C-alpha atoms as a PDB file:
ATOM      1  CA  MET A   1       0.000   0.000   0.000  1.00  0.00           C
ATOM      2  CA  ALA A   2       1.121   3.588  -0.536  1.00  0.00           C
ATOM      3  CA  LEU A   3       0.734   4.768   3.052  1.00  0.00           C
ATOM      4  CA  GLU A   4       3.858   3.068   4.398  1.00  0.00           C
ATOM      5  CA  PRO A   5       6.257   4.939   2.078  1.00  0.00           C
ATOM      6  CA  ALA A   6       4.410   8.188   2.860  1.00  0.00           C
ATOM      7  CA  ALA A   7       5.056   7.688   6.578  1.00  0.00           C
ATOM      8  CA  ALA A   8       8.731   6.983   5.893  1.00  0.00           C
ATOM      9  CA  ALA A   9       9.035  10.091   3.717  1.00  0.00           C
ATOM     10  CA  ALA A  10       7.214  12.175   6.326  1.00  0.00           C
ATOM     11  CA  ALA A  11       9.787  11.066   8.906  1.00  0.00           C
ATOM     12  CA  GLU A  12      12.477  12.519   6.665  1.00  0.00           C
ATOM     13  CA  ARG A  13      10.699  15.649   5.452  1.00  0.00           C
ATOM     14  CA  ALA A  14       8.108  16.867   7.963  1.00  0.00           C
ATOM     15  CA  THR A  15       8.689  20.259   9.513  1.00  0.00           C
ATOM     16  CA  SER A  16       8.483  20.802  13.251  1.00  0.00           C
ATOM     17  CA  ASP A  17       5.129  22.550  12.787  1.00  0.00           C
ATOM     18  CA  GLU A  18       3.800  19.601  10.796  1.00  0.00           C
ATOM     19  CA  ILE A  19       4.859  17.206  13.540  1.00  0.00           C
ATOM     20  CA  VAL A  20       3.048  19.344  16.113  1.00  0.00           C
ATOM     21  CA  GLU A  21      -0.024  19.193  13.841  1.00  0.00           C
ATOM     22  CA  LEU A  22       0.312  15.414  13.571  1.00  0.00           C
ATOM     23  CA  TYR A  23       0.411  15.041  17.360  1.00  0.00           C
ATOM     24  CA  ALA A  24      -2.709  17.217  17.626  1.00  0.00           C
ATOM     25  CA  LEU A  25      -4.467  14.966  15.122  1.00  0.00           C
ATOM     26  CA  ALA A  26      -3.295  11.827  16.940  1.00  0.00           C
ATOM     27  CA  ALA A  27      -4.726  13.214  20.188  1.00  0.00           C
ATOM     28  CA  LYS A  28      -8.165  13.444  18.552  1.00  0.00           C
ATOM     29  CA  PHE A  29      -8.350   9.631  18.442  1.00  0.00           C
ATOM     30  CA  ASP A  30      -8.415   9.490  22.240  1.00  0.00           C
ATOM     31  CA  ASN A  31     -12.139  10.160  22.681  1.00  0.00           C
ATOM     32  CA  PRO A  32     -14.312   7.410  24.196  1.00  0.00           C
ATOM     33  CA  ASP A  33     -17.405   9.009  22.637  1.00  0.00           C
ATOM     34  CA  HIS A  34     -16.266   8.443  19.059  1.00  0.00           C
ATOM     35  CA  THR A  35     -18.831   7.180  16.594  1.00  0.00           C
ATOM     36  CA  PRO A  36     -17.803   5.239  13.493  1.00  0.00           C
ATOM     37  CA  GLU A  37     -18.260   8.457  11.510  1.00  0.00           C
ATOM     38  CA  SER A  38     -16.277  10.699  13.848  1.00  0.00           C
ATOM     39  CA  ILE A  39     -13.313   8.349  14.176  1.00  0.00           C
ATOM     40  CA  ALA A  40     -13.275   7.830  10.398  1.00  0.00           C
ATOM     41  CA  LYS A  41     -13.076  11.615   9.945  1.00  0.00           C
ATOM     42  CA  VAL A  42     -10.132  11.863  12.355  1.00  0.00           C
ATOM     43  CA  ASP A  43      -8.426   8.917  10.661  1.00  0.00           C
ATOM     44  CA  LEU A  44      -8.783  10.546   7.266  1.00  0.00           C
ATOM     45  CA  GLU A  45      -7.379  13.856   8.547  1.00  0.00           C
ATOM     46  CA  PHE A  46      -4.424  12.017  10.085  1.00  0.00           C
ATOM     47  CA  HIS A  47      -3.527  10.030   6.978  1.00  0.00           C
ATOM     48  CA  LEU A  48      -4.008  12.976   4.618  1.00  0.00           C
ATOM     49  CA  ALA A  49      -1.682  15.030   6.833  1.00  0.00           C
ATOM     50  CA  ILE A  50       0.975  12.331   6.493  1.00  0.00           C
ATOM     51  CA  ALA A  51       0.486  12.294   2.718  1.00  0.00           C
ATOM     52  CA  ARG A  52       1.061  16.064   2.681  1.00  0.00           C
ATOM     53  CA  MET A  53       4.090  15.789   4.979  1.00  0.00           C
ATOM     54  CA  SER A  54       5.671  13.225   2.689  1.00  0.00           C
ATOM     55  CA  GLY A  55       6.376  16.013   0.222  1.00  0.00           C
ATOM     56  CA  ASN A  56       5.476  13.601  -2.554  1.00  0.00           C
ATOM     57  CA  PRO A  57       3.107  15.140  -5.129  1.00  0.00           C
ATOM     58  CA  PHE A  58       1.867  11.657  -6.065  1.00  0.00           C
ATOM     59  CA  MET A  59       0.792  10.978  -2.483  1.00  0.00           C
ATOM     60  CA  ARG A  60      -1.116  14.236  -2.375  1.00  0.00           C
ATOM     61  CA  SER A  61      -2.736  13.443  -5.720  1.00  0.00           C
ATOM     62  CA  VAL A  62      -4.081  10.094  -4.495  1.00  0.00           C
ATOM     63  CA  SER A  63      -5.777  11.646  -1.473  1.00  0.00           C
ATOM     64  CA  GLY A  64      -9.177  10.807  -2.952  1.00  0.00           C
ATOM     65  CA  LEU A  65      -8.225   7.144  -3.172  1.00  0.00           C
ATOM     66  CA  ILE A  66      -6.991   7.182   0.416  1.00  0.00           C
ATOM     67  CA  GLU A  67     -10.280   8.758   1.488  1.00  0.00           C
ATOM     68  CA  ALA A  68     -12.324   6.121  -0.350  1.00  0.00           C
ATOM     69  CA  ALA A  69     -10.283   3.222   1.036  1.00  0.00           C
ATOM     70  CA  LEU A  70     -10.546   4.487   4.607  1.00  0.00           C
ATOM     71  CA  ALA A  71     -14.283   5.155   4.266  1.00  0.00           C
ATOM     72  CA  VAL A  72     -14.952   1.614   3.066  1.00  0.00           C
ATOM     73  CA  SER A  73     -12.703   0.159   5.748  1.00  0.00           C
ATOM     74  CA  PHE A  74     -14.489   2.006   8.540  1.00  0.00           C
ATOM     75  CA  GLN A  75     -17.937   1.138   7.136  1.00  0.00           C
ATOM     76  CA  LEU A  76     -17.062  -2.541   7.260  1.00  0.00           C
ATOM     77  CA  SER A  77     -15.459  -2.485  10.688  1.00  0.00           C
ATOM     78  CA  SER A  78     -14.904   0.521  12.913  1.00  0.00           C
ATOM     79  CA  PRO A  79     -12.639   0.664  15.950  1.00  0.00           C
ATOM     80  CA  ALA A  80     -15.373   2.845  17.487  1.00  0.00           C
ATOM     81  CA  ALA A  81     -17.430  -0.317  18.013  1.00  0.00           C
ATOM     82  CA  SER A  82     -15.798  -0.679  21.447  1.00  0.00           C
ATOM     83  CA  GLN A  83     -13.869   1.341  24.015  1.00  0.00           C
ATOM     84  CA  GLU A  84     -10.971  -1.081  23.569  1.00  0.00           C
ATOM     85  CA  GLY A  85     -10.999  -0.499  19.825  1.00  0.00           C
ATOM     86  CA  ILE A  86     -10.874   3.258  20.294  1.00  0.00           C
ATOM     87  CA  ALA A  87      -8.029   2.989  22.817  1.00  0.00           C
ATOM     88  CA  GLU A  88      -6.058   0.672  20.525  1.00  0.00           C
ATOM     89  CA  CYS A  89      -6.622   2.973  17.553  1.00  0.00           C
ATOM     90  CA  ALA A  90      -5.475   5.995  19.578  1.00  0.00           C
ATOM     91  CA  ALA A  91      -2.332   4.209  20.779  1.00  0.00           C
ATOM     92  CA  ASN A  92      -1.460   2.973  17.296  1.00  0.00           C
ATOM     93  CA  HIS A  93      -1.812   6.388  15.693  1.00  0.00           C
ATOM     94  CA  LEU A  94       0.208   7.993  18.477  1.00  0.00           C
ATOM     95  CA  ARG A  95       2.894   5.383  17.725  1.00  0.00           C
ATOM     96  CA  ILE A  96       2.940   6.555  14.091  1.00  0.00           C
ATOM     97  CA  ALA A  97       3.275  10.186  15.210  1.00  0.00           C
ATOM     98  CA  HIS A  98       6.146   9.262  17.553  1.00  0.00           C
ATOM     99  CA  ALA A  99       7.892   7.356  14.766  1.00  0.00           C
ATOM    100  CA  ILE A 100       7.624  10.272  12.351  1.00  0.00           C
ATOM    101  CA  ALA A 101       8.764  12.706  15.054  1.00  0.00           C
ATOM    102  CA  SER A 102      11.791  10.492  15.744  1.00  0.00           C
ATOM    103  CA  ARG A 103      12.881  11.050  12.122  1.00  0.00           C
ATOM    104  CA  ASP A 104      13.292   7.300  11.668  1.00  0.00           C
ATOM    105  CA  PRO A 105      11.843   6.310   8.265  1.00  0.00           C
ATOM    106  CA  GLN A 106      11.945   2.568   8.950  1.00  0.00           C
ATOM    107  CA  LYS A 107      10.219   2.954  12.303  1.00  0.00           C
ATOM    108  CA  ALA A 108       7.555   5.157  10.669  1.00  0.00           C
ATOM    109  CA  ARG A 109       7.041   2.647   7.857  1.00  0.00           C
ATOM    110  CA  LEU A 110       6.641  -0.224  10.339  1.00  0.00           C
ATOM    111  CA  ALA A 111       4.259   1.732  12.572  1.00  0.00           C
ATOM    112  CA  MET A 112       2.051   2.540   9.582  1.00  0.00           C
ATOM    113  CA  GLU A 113       2.267  -1.038   8.324  1.00  0.00           C
ATOM    114  CA  SER A 114       1.089  -2.287  11.713  1.00  0.00           C
ATOM    115  CA  VAL A 115      -1.978  -0.012  11.644  1.00  0.00           C
ATOM    116  CA  ILE A 116      -2.842  -1.122   8.123  1.00  0.00           C
ATOM    117  CA  LYS A 117      -2.514  -4.799   9.051  1.00  0.00           C
ATOM    118  CA  LEU A 118      -4.799  -4.326  12.059  1.00  0.00           C
ATOM    119  CA  GLY A 119      -7.388  -2.666   9.830  1.00  0.00           C
ATOM    120  CA  VAL A 120      -7.210  -5.532   7.345  1.00  0.00           C
ATOM    121  CA  GLU A 121      -7.620  -8.042  10.189  1.00  0.00           C
ATOM    122  CA  ARG A 122     -10.688  -6.169  11.497  1.00  0.00           C
ATOM    123  CA  ILE A 123     -12.253  -6.322   8.045  1.00  0.00           C
ATOM    124  CA  ARG A 124     -11.431 -10.025   7.622  1.00  0.00           C
ATOM    125  CA  ASP A 125     -13.135 -10.748  10.931  1.00  0.00           C
ATOM    126  CA  VAL A 126     -16.446  -9.347   9.653  1.00  0.00           C
ATOM    127  CA  ILE A 127     -16.344 -10.729   6.120  1.00  0.00           C
END
């Protein structure tokens, strides 16, 4: 998937202000009152921010595809279905923000890969 390389590139290219923005977006996941719609909106904002931070024009141009993929994923299975799911989602996205802030591309790639794999597993469980 294209999100892992975007996270790696963001680790190399993001400005300090962008990293502060990413942490602010990651903090939005930590809300026990999330609905499937509200957490999907936060997730989209977070991943689109990483696409922008990557500095890769291609990543920014596929934002619509990212939005569609995330929307379908969250319609099939949302982490907002349980408090545990919300907490796990918040922790995982904070891990991505930490990895990007650490300026470690491999760590950022692996953190993003982990989130994507968890999303795929959630979908497989309902299909």
